[in-house]
Amino acid sequence: MRAEDALRKIKLLRRISTDNGAVAAEVETAQRLQKVLMERYAIKDWDIPGASRTTVSRLTWIYWQELLDEFGLPLDQFGNRGSVAVGNNKLYIRLSTNQWWIEEKFPAGWRTTARNRGVESLRTYLKEHAPRSYSFFKR
């Protein structure tokens, strides 16, 4: 491996965070790998420019999908956007910004009733608002 390769890997490892859906153990492992690569190739913090968002964004669909599977909700995705029916409401996910929002139908039309960022905030919302499924088997 060359120093350029190490720099590229460090940039990518820096993008791993709990905000992007990684669990604490994954974040800790990424930090350790960064440290080892920086020591081995004598790379300083100021030598590393910011990483691109698109690379990490592609990695997070799996986290959103696994979360929605916990609640029995099928994810429809197209490019950088996903949608899910949550009861009579619609859940939208924008992968590039790690945002989600809920739209609820009112007599005057659809209105956004909840908005936040990250997988954990959506998990908290779904625990309170997702329809309960009491089936003992999965189709």
N, C-alpha and C. Protein backbone atom coordinates (compact mmCIF):
# COMPACT_ATOMS: atom_id res chain seq x y z
N MET A 1 0.84 -1.18 0.00
CA MET A 1 0.00 0.00 0.00
C MET A 1 0.89 1.24 0.00
N ARG A 2 0.46 2.22 -0.76
CA ARG A 2 1.19 3.49 -0.82
C ARG A 2 0.56 4.50 0.14
N ALA A 3 1.27 5.60 0.37
CA ALA A 3 0.77 6.64 1.27
C ALA A 3 -0.54 7.24 0.73
N GLU A 4 -0.67 7.35 -0.61
CA GLU A 4 -1.90 7.88 -1.19
C GLU A 4 -3.09 6.97 -0.87
N ASP A 5 -2.84 5.66 -0.92
CA ASP A 5 -3.90 4.71 -0.57
C ASP A 5 -4.30 4.84 0.89
N ALA A 6 -3.32 5.00 1.75
CA ALA A 6 -3.59 5.16 3.18
C ALA A 6 -4.39 6.44 3.43
N LEU A 7 -4.04 7.53 2.75
CA LEU A 7 -4.79 8.78 2.88
C LEU A 7 -6.26 8.60 2.47
N ARG A 8 -6.45 7.93 1.36
CA ARG A 8 -7.82 7.69 0.89
C ARG A 8 -8.62 6.87 1.90
N LYS A 9 -7.99 5.84 2.46
CA LYS A 9 -8.68 4.99 3.44
C LYS A 9 -8.98 5.75 4.73
N ILE A 10 -8.06 6.58 5.15
CA ILE A 10 -8.29 7.38 6.36
C ILE A 10 -9.45 8.33 6.16
N LYS A 11 -9.52 8.97 4.98
CA LYS A 11 -10.64 9.87 4.69
C LYS A 11 -11.97 9.13 4.79
N LEU A 12 -12.01 7.94 4.24
CA LEU A 12 -13.24 7.16 4.28
C LEU A 12 -13.58 6.71 5.70
N LEU A 13 -12.57 6.31 6.45
CA LEU A 13 -12.80 5.87 7.83
C LEU A 13 -13.31 7.01 8.71
N ARG A 14 -12.90 8.23 8.42
CA ARG A 14 -13.36 9.39 9.21
C ARG A 14 -14.84 9.66 9.02
N ARG A 15 -15.42 9.18 7.96
CA ARG A 15 -16.84 9.42 7.69
C ARG A 15 -17.75 8.46 8.45
N ILE A 16 -17.19 7.43 9.06
CA ILE A 16 -18.00 6.46 9.78
C ILE A 16 -18.36 7.04 11.14
N SER A 17 -19.67 7.17 11.37
CA SER A 17 -20.14 7.72 12.64
C SER A 17 -21.51 7.15 12.96
N THR A 18 -21.93 7.34 14.18
CA THR A 18 -23.26 6.87 14.57
C THR A 18 -24.34 7.66 13.85
N ASP A 19 -24.06 8.89 13.44
CA ASP A 19 -25.03 9.68 12.68
C ASP A 19 -25.31 9.05 11.32
N ASN A 20 -24.34 8.32 10.80
CA ASN A 20 -24.51 7.66 9.50
C ASN A 20 -25.03 6.24 9.64
N GLY A 21 -25.38 5.85 10.86
CA GLY A 21 -25.98 4.54 11.07
C GLY A 21 -25.04 3.48 11.59
N ALA A 22 -23.79 3.79 11.80
CA ALA A 22 -22.84 2.80 12.33
C ALA A 22 -23.07 2.63 13.83
N VAL A 23 -22.80 1.45 14.31
CA VAL A 23 -22.90 1.20 15.75
C VAL A 23 -21.59 1.62 16.40
N ALA A 24 -21.61 1.75 17.72
CA ALA A 24 -20.44 2.26 18.45
C ALA A 24 -19.19 1.43 18.20
N ALA A 25 -19.33 0.12 18.11
CA ALA A 25 -18.16 -0.74 17.88
C ALA A 25 -17.54 -0.48 16.51
N GLU A 26 -18.35 -0.21 15.50
CA GLU A 26 -17.83 0.10 14.17
C GLU A 26 -17.09 1.43 14.17
N VAL A 27 -17.61 2.40 14.88
CA VAL A 27 -16.95 3.70 14.98
C VAL A 27 -15.61 3.56 15.67
N GLU A 28 -15.59 2.80 16.76
CA GLU A 28 -14.33 2.60 17.50
C GLU A 28 -13.29 1.88 16.64
N THR A 29 -13.71 0.87 15.91
CA THR A 29 -12.79 0.15 15.03
C THR A 29 -12.24 1.06 13.94
N ALA A 30 -13.10 1.89 13.36
CA ALA A 30 -12.66 2.83 12.33
C ALA A 30 -11.63 3.80 12.88
N GLN A 31 -11.83 4.27 14.11
CA GLN A 31 -10.88 5.20 14.72
C GLN A 31 -9.53 4.53 14.98
N ARG A 32 -9.58 3.28 15.42
CA ARG A 32 -8.31 2.55 15.63
C ARG A 32 -7.56 2.34 14.33
N LEU A 33 -8.28 1.97 13.27
CA LEU A 33 -7.65 1.78 11.97
C LEU A 33 -7.03 3.08 11.46
N GLN A 34 -7.72 4.19 11.65
CA GLN A 34 -7.16 5.49 11.27
C GLN A 34 -5.84 5.75 11.97
N LYS A 35 -5.85 5.52 13.27
CA LYS A 35 -4.66 5.79 14.07
C LYS A 35 -3.47 4.94 13.61
N VAL A 36 -3.72 3.66 13.36
CA VAL A 36 -2.66 2.76 12.91
C VAL A 36 -2.12 3.20 11.55
N LEU A 37 -3.01 3.53 10.62
CA LEU A 37 -2.56 3.97 9.29
C LEU A 37 -1.78 5.27 9.37
N MET A 38 -2.23 6.19 10.21
CA MET A 38 -1.54 7.47 10.35
C MET A 38 -0.15 7.28 10.95
N GLU A 39 -0.02 6.39 11.91
CA GLU A 39 1.30 6.13 12.51
C GLU A 39 2.22 5.43 11.52
N ARG A 40 1.69 4.42 10.84
CA ARG A 40 2.51 3.64 9.91
C ARG A 40 3.03 4.47 8.74
N TYR A 41 2.21 5.40 8.23
CA TYR A 41 2.60 6.18 7.06
C TYR A 41 2.97 7.62 7.41
N ALA A 42 3.15 7.91 8.69
CA ALA A 42 3.56 9.24 9.18
C ALA A 42 2.67 10.34 8.60
N ILE A 43 1.37 10.15 8.72
CA ILE A 43 0.39 11.11 8.22
C ILE A 43 -0.12 11.93 9.40
N LYS A 44 -0.12 13.24 9.23
CA LYS A 44 -0.62 14.15 10.26
C LYS A 44 -2.06 14.54 9.95
N ASP A 45 -2.78 15.03 10.95
CA ASP A 45 -4.19 15.42 10.77
C ASP A 45 -4.37 16.44 9.65
N TRP A 46 -3.49 17.42 9.59
CA TRP A 46 -3.65 18.49 8.60
C TRP A 46 -3.36 18.01 7.18
N ASP A 47 -2.81 16.80 7.01
CA ASP A 47 -2.54 16.25 5.68
C ASP A 47 -3.79 15.64 5.03
N ILE A 48 -4.87 15.51 5.81
CA ILE A 48 -6.05 14.80 5.32
C ILE A 48 -7.16 15.78 5.00
N PRO A 49 -7.46 15.95 3.71
CA PRO A 49 -8.60 16.80 3.35
C PRO A 49 -9.91 16.06 3.65
N GLY A 50 -11.04 16.76 3.60
CA GLY A 50 -12.34 16.15 3.88
C GLY A 50 -12.68 15.05 2.89
N ALA A 51 -13.40 14.06 3.36
CA ALA A 51 -13.82 12.94 2.50
C ALA A 51 -15.11 13.30 1.78
N SER A 52 -15.38 12.63 0.68
CA SER A 52 -16.61 12.89 -0.07
C SER A 52 -17.79 12.25 0.64
N ARG A 53 -18.97 12.90 0.56
CA ARG A 53 -20.17 12.38 1.22
C ARG A 53 -20.78 11.22 0.45
N THR A 54 -20.59 11.16 -0.85
CA THR A 54 -21.28 10.16 -1.64
C THR A 54 -20.81 8.75 -1.30
N THR A 55 -19.56 8.57 -0.96
CA THR A 55 -19.07 7.24 -0.65
C THR A 55 -19.75 6.68 0.59
N VAL A 56 -19.83 7.48 1.64
CA VAL A 56 -20.45 7.00 2.87
C VAL A 56 -21.94 6.83 2.69
N SER A 57 -22.58 7.70 1.94
CA SER A 57 -24.02 7.61 1.75
C SER A 57 -24.42 6.28 1.16
N ARG A 58 -23.64 5.76 0.26
CA ARG A 58 -23.97 4.46 -0.32
C ARG A 58 -23.93 3.36 0.72
N LEU A 59 -23.13 3.53 1.76
CA LEU A 59 -22.99 2.50 2.78
C LEU A 59 -24.16 2.47 3.74
N THR A 60 -24.94 3.52 3.84
CA THR A 60 -25.94 3.59 4.88
C THR A 60 -27.30 3.00 4.53
N TRP A 61 -27.58 2.68 3.27
CA TRP A 61 -28.88 2.08 2.96
C TRP A 61 -29.10 0.83 3.79
N ILE A 62 -28.08 0.06 4.00
CA ILE A 62 -28.24 -1.20 4.74
C ILE A 62 -28.71 -0.92 6.17
N TYR A 63 -28.24 0.15 6.78
CA TYR A 63 -28.67 0.48 8.15
C TYR A 63 -30.14 0.88 8.19
N TRP A 64 -30.56 1.69 7.21
CA TRP A 64 -31.96 2.08 7.15
C TRP A 64 -32.83 0.85 6.92
N GLN A 65 -32.40 -0.03 6.01
CA GLN A 65 -33.17 -1.23 5.69
C GLN A 65 -33.31 -2.14 6.90
N GLU A 66 -32.22 -2.35 7.64
CA GLU A 66 -32.28 -3.20 8.82
C GLU A 66 -33.19 -2.61 9.89
N LEU A 67 -33.16 -1.29 10.06
CA LEU A 67 -34.05 -0.65 11.03
C LEU A 67 -35.50 -0.86 10.64
N LEU A 68 -35.83 -0.63 9.39
CA LEU A 68 -37.21 -0.78 8.95
C LEU A 68 -37.67 -2.22 9.00
N ASP A 69 -36.76 -3.17 8.79
CA ASP A 69 -37.10 -4.59 8.90
C ASP A 69 -37.51 -4.94 10.33
N GLU A 70 -36.92 -4.28 11.32
CA GLU A 70 -37.29 -4.52 12.72
C GLU A 70 -38.77 -4.25 12.95
N PHE A 71 -39.33 -3.31 12.20
CA PHE A 71 -40.73 -2.93 12.36
C PHE A 71 -41.63 -3.50 11.26
N GLY A 72 -41.05 -4.36 10.41
CA GLY A 72 -41.82 -4.98 9.34
C GLY A 72 -42.25 -4.00 8.26
N LEU A 73 -41.45 -2.98 8.02
CA LEU A 73 -41.78 -1.96 7.02
C LEU A 73 -40.88 -2.12 5.80
N PRO A 74 -41.46 -2.31 4.61
CA PRO A 74 -40.65 -2.47 3.39
C PRO A 74 -40.18 -1.12 2.84
N LEU A 75 -38.92 -1.02 2.54
CA LEU A 75 -38.32 0.21 2.02
C LEU A 75 -38.33 0.19 0.50
N ASP A 76 -38.90 1.22 -0.10
CA ASP A 76 -38.82 1.43 -1.54
C ASP A 76 -37.77 2.50 -1.75
N GLN A 77 -36.76 2.19 -2.56
CA GLN A 77 -35.72 3.19 -2.76
C GLN A 77 -35.48 3.41 -4.24
N PHE A 78 -35.15 4.64 -4.56
CA PHE A 78 -34.82 5.02 -5.92
C PHE A 78 -33.73 6.07 -5.83
N GLY A 79 -32.54 5.71 -6.23
CA GLY A 79 -31.41 6.63 -6.16
C GLY A 79 -31.08 6.99 -4.73
N ASN A 80 -31.13 8.28 -4.44
CA ASN A 80 -30.78 8.79 -3.11
C ASN A 80 -31.97 8.94 -2.19
N ARG A 81 -33.17 8.52 -2.63
CA ARG A 81 -34.36 8.70 -1.81
C ARG A 81 -35.06 7.38 -1.58
N GLY A 82 -35.68 7.28 -0.41
CA GLY A 82 -36.45 6.10 -0.08
C GLY A 82 -37.78 6.52 0.51
N SER A 83 -38.76 5.61 0.44
CA SER A 83 -40.07 5.91 1.03
C SER A 83 -40.65 4.64 1.63
N VAL A 84 -41.49 4.84 2.65
CA VAL A 84 -42.10 3.74 3.37
C VAL A 84 -43.49 4.19 3.80
N ALA A 85 -44.48 3.30 3.71
CA ALA A 85 -45.80 3.59 4.27
C ALA A 85 -45.78 3.16 5.73
N VAL A 86 -46.06 4.10 6.63
CA VAL A 86 -46.13 3.83 8.07
C VAL A 86 -47.57 4.09 8.48
N GLY A 87 -48.37 3.03 8.46
CA GLY A 87 -49.80 3.22 8.70
C GLY A 87 -50.39 4.04 7.57
N ASN A 88 -51.07 5.13 7.90
CA ASN A 88 -51.64 6.01 6.87
C ASN A 88 -50.69 7.14 6.50
N ASN A 89 -49.52 7.18 7.12
CA ASN A 89 -48.54 8.24 6.86
C ASN A 89 -47.46 7.75 5.90
N LYS A 90 -46.67 8.67 5.42
CA LYS A 90 -45.54 8.35 4.53
C LYS A 90 -44.25 8.78 5.21
N LEU A 91 -43.26 7.90 5.16
CA LEU A 91 -41.92 8.19 5.65
C LEU A 91 -41.02 8.34 4.44
N TYR A 92 -40.26 9.43 4.40
CA TYR A 92 -39.31 9.66 3.32
C TYR A 92 -37.91 9.75 3.91
N ILE A 93 -36.94 9.19 3.20
CA ILE A 93 -35.54 9.23 3.62
C ILE A 93 -34.72 9.81 2.49
N ARG A 94 -33.91 10.80 2.80
CA ARG A 94 -32.97 11.36 1.83
C ARG A 94 -31.58 10.90 2.25
N LEU A 95 -31.02 9.98 1.51
CA LEU A 95 -29.76 9.34 1.87
C LEU A 95 -28.59 10.30 1.88
N SER A 96 -28.54 11.23 0.94
CA SER A 96 -27.38 12.12 0.83
C SER A 96 -27.22 13.03 2.04
N THR A 97 -28.31 13.36 2.72
CA THR A 97 -28.22 14.23 3.90
C THR A 97 -28.51 13.48 5.19
N ASN A 98 -28.81 12.18 5.10
CA ASN A 98 -29.09 11.36 6.27
C ASN A 98 -30.33 11.87 7.02
N GLN A 99 -31.30 12.41 6.28
CA GLN A 99 -32.51 12.97 6.87
C GLN A 99 -33.71 12.08 6.60
N TRP A 100 -34.69 12.16 7.49
CA TRP A 100 -35.96 11.50 7.29
C TRP A 100 -37.08 12.46 7.73
N TRP A 101 -38.27 12.28 7.14
CA TRP A 101 -39.42 13.08 7.56
C TRP A 101 -40.69 12.29 7.31
N ILE A 102 -41.70 12.60 8.11
CA ILE A 102 -43.00 11.95 8.04
C ILE A 102 -44.00 12.95 7.49
N GLU A 103 -44.79 12.50 6.51
CA GLU A 103 -45.88 13.31 6.00
C GLU A 103 -47.20 12.63 6.34
N GLU A 104 -48.09 13.41 6.89
CA GLU A 104 -49.40 12.92 7.31
C GLU A 104 -50.48 13.56 6.46
N LYS A 105 -51.51 12.76 6.12
CA LYS A 105 -52.59 13.28 5.27
C LYS A 105 -53.63 14.00 6.15
N PHE A 106 -53.92 15.24 5.75
CA PHE A 106 -54.95 16.06 6.38
C PHE A 106 -55.98 16.41 5.32
N PRO A 107 -57.15 16.88 5.72
CA PRO A 107 -58.16 17.26 4.71
C PRO A 107 -57.64 18.27 3.68
N ALA A 108 -56.72 19.13 4.10
CA ALA A 108 -56.18 20.13 3.18
C ALA A 108 -55.01 19.60 2.35
N GLY A 109 -54.57 18.37 2.60
CA GLY A 109 -53.46 17.78 1.85
C GLY A 109 -52.41 17.19 2.78
N TRP A 110 -51.23 16.87 2.24
CA TRP A 110 -50.15 16.27 3.02
C TRP A 110 -49.36 17.35 3.73
N ARG A 111 -48.99 17.06 4.99
CA ARG A 111 -48.22 18.00 5.79
C ARG A 111 -47.12 17.25 6.54
N THR A 112 -45.93 17.83 6.61
CA THR A 112 -44.82 17.23 7.34
C THR A 112 -45.07 17.39 8.84
N THR A 113 -45.08 16.26 9.57
CA THR A 113 -45.36 16.30 11.00
C THR A 113 -44.15 15.97 11.86
N ALA A 114 -43.14 15.35 11.28
CA ALA A 114 -41.92 15.02 12.02
C ALA A 114 -40.75 15.06 11.06
N ARG A 115 -39.60 15.50 11.55
CA ARG A 115 -38.40 15.59 10.71
C ARG A 115 -37.19 15.47 11.62
N ASN A 116 -36.18 14.71 11.18
CA ASN A 116 -34.97 14.57 11.97
C ASN A 116 -33.87 13.97 11.10
N ARG A 117 -32.73 13.70 11.73
CA ARG A 117 -31.59 13.10 11.03
C ARG A 117 -31.15 11.84 11.77
N GLY A 118 -30.67 10.86 11.02
CA GLY A 118 -30.03 9.70 11.60
C GLY A 118 -30.97 8.53 11.87
N VAL A 119 -30.36 7.37 11.92
CA VAL A 119 -31.09 6.12 12.10
C VAL A 119 -31.65 6.01 13.52
N GLU A 120 -30.88 6.42 14.52
CA GLU A 120 -31.34 6.28 15.91
C GLU A 120 -32.55 7.15 16.20
N SER A 121 -32.60 8.35 15.66
CA SER A 121 -33.77 9.20 15.89
C SER A 121 -35.01 8.60 15.23
N LEU A 122 -34.84 7.95 14.07
CA LEU A 122 -35.97 7.29 13.42
C LEU A 122 -36.41 6.09 14.23
N ARG A 123 -35.48 5.34 14.79
CA ARG A 123 -35.83 4.20 15.64
C ARG A 123 -36.70 4.66 16.81
N THR A 124 -36.31 5.76 17.45
CA THR A 124 -37.08 6.30 18.56
C THR A 124 -38.49 6.69 18.11
N TYR A 125 -38.59 7.33 16.96
CA TYR A 125 -39.90 7.73 16.43
C TYR A 125 -40.76 6.50 16.13
N LEU A 126 -40.19 5.51 15.48
CA LEU A 126 -40.97 4.32 15.10
C LEU A 126 -41.43 3.53 16.32
N LYS A 127 -40.64 3.52 17.38
CA LYS A 127 -41.06 2.81 18.61
C LYS A 127 -42.35 3.40 19.15
N GLU A 128 -42.53 4.69 18.99
CA GLU A 128 -43.72 5.36 19.49
C GLU A 128 -44.88 5.37 18.49
N HIS A 129 -44.57 5.42 17.19
CA HIS A 129 -45.62 5.68 16.20
C HIS A 129 -45.87 4.57 15.18
N ALA A 130 -45.00 3.60 15.06
CA ALA A 130 -45.20 2.57 14.02
C ALA A 130 -46.35 1.66 14.42
N PRO A 131 -47.12 1.18 13.43
CA PRO A 131 -48.20 0.23 13.75
C PRO A 131 -47.61 -1.04 14.34
N ARG A 132 -48.28 -1.58 15.31
CA ARG A 132 -47.81 -2.79 15.98
C ARG A 132 -48.11 -4.02 15.12
N SER A 133 -47.14 -4.88 15.02
CA SER A 133 -47.31 -6.14 14.29
C SER A 133 -47.12 -7.28 15.28
N TYR A 134 -48.15 -8.07 15.47
CA TYR A 134 -48.09 -9.14 16.44
C TYR A 134 -47.95 -10.51 15.81
N SER A 135 -47.53 -10.56 14.58
CA SER A 135 -47.34 -11.82 13.90
C SER A 135 -46.10 -12.52 14.42
N PHE A 136 -46.18 -13.84 14.54
CA PHE A 136 -45.04 -14.61 15.03
C PHE A 136 -44.19 -15.16 13.89
N PHE A 137 -44.55 -14.88 12.69
CA PHE A 137 -43.75 -15.33 11.55
C PHE A 137 -43.62 -14.19 10.56
N LYS A 138 -42.60 -14.31 9.73
CA LYS A 138 -42.32 -13.28 8.73
C LYS A 138 -42.63 -13.85 7.35
N ARG A 139 -43.30 -13.07 6.54
CA ARG A 139 -43.61 -13.53 5.18
C ARG A 139 -42.46 -13.38 4.26
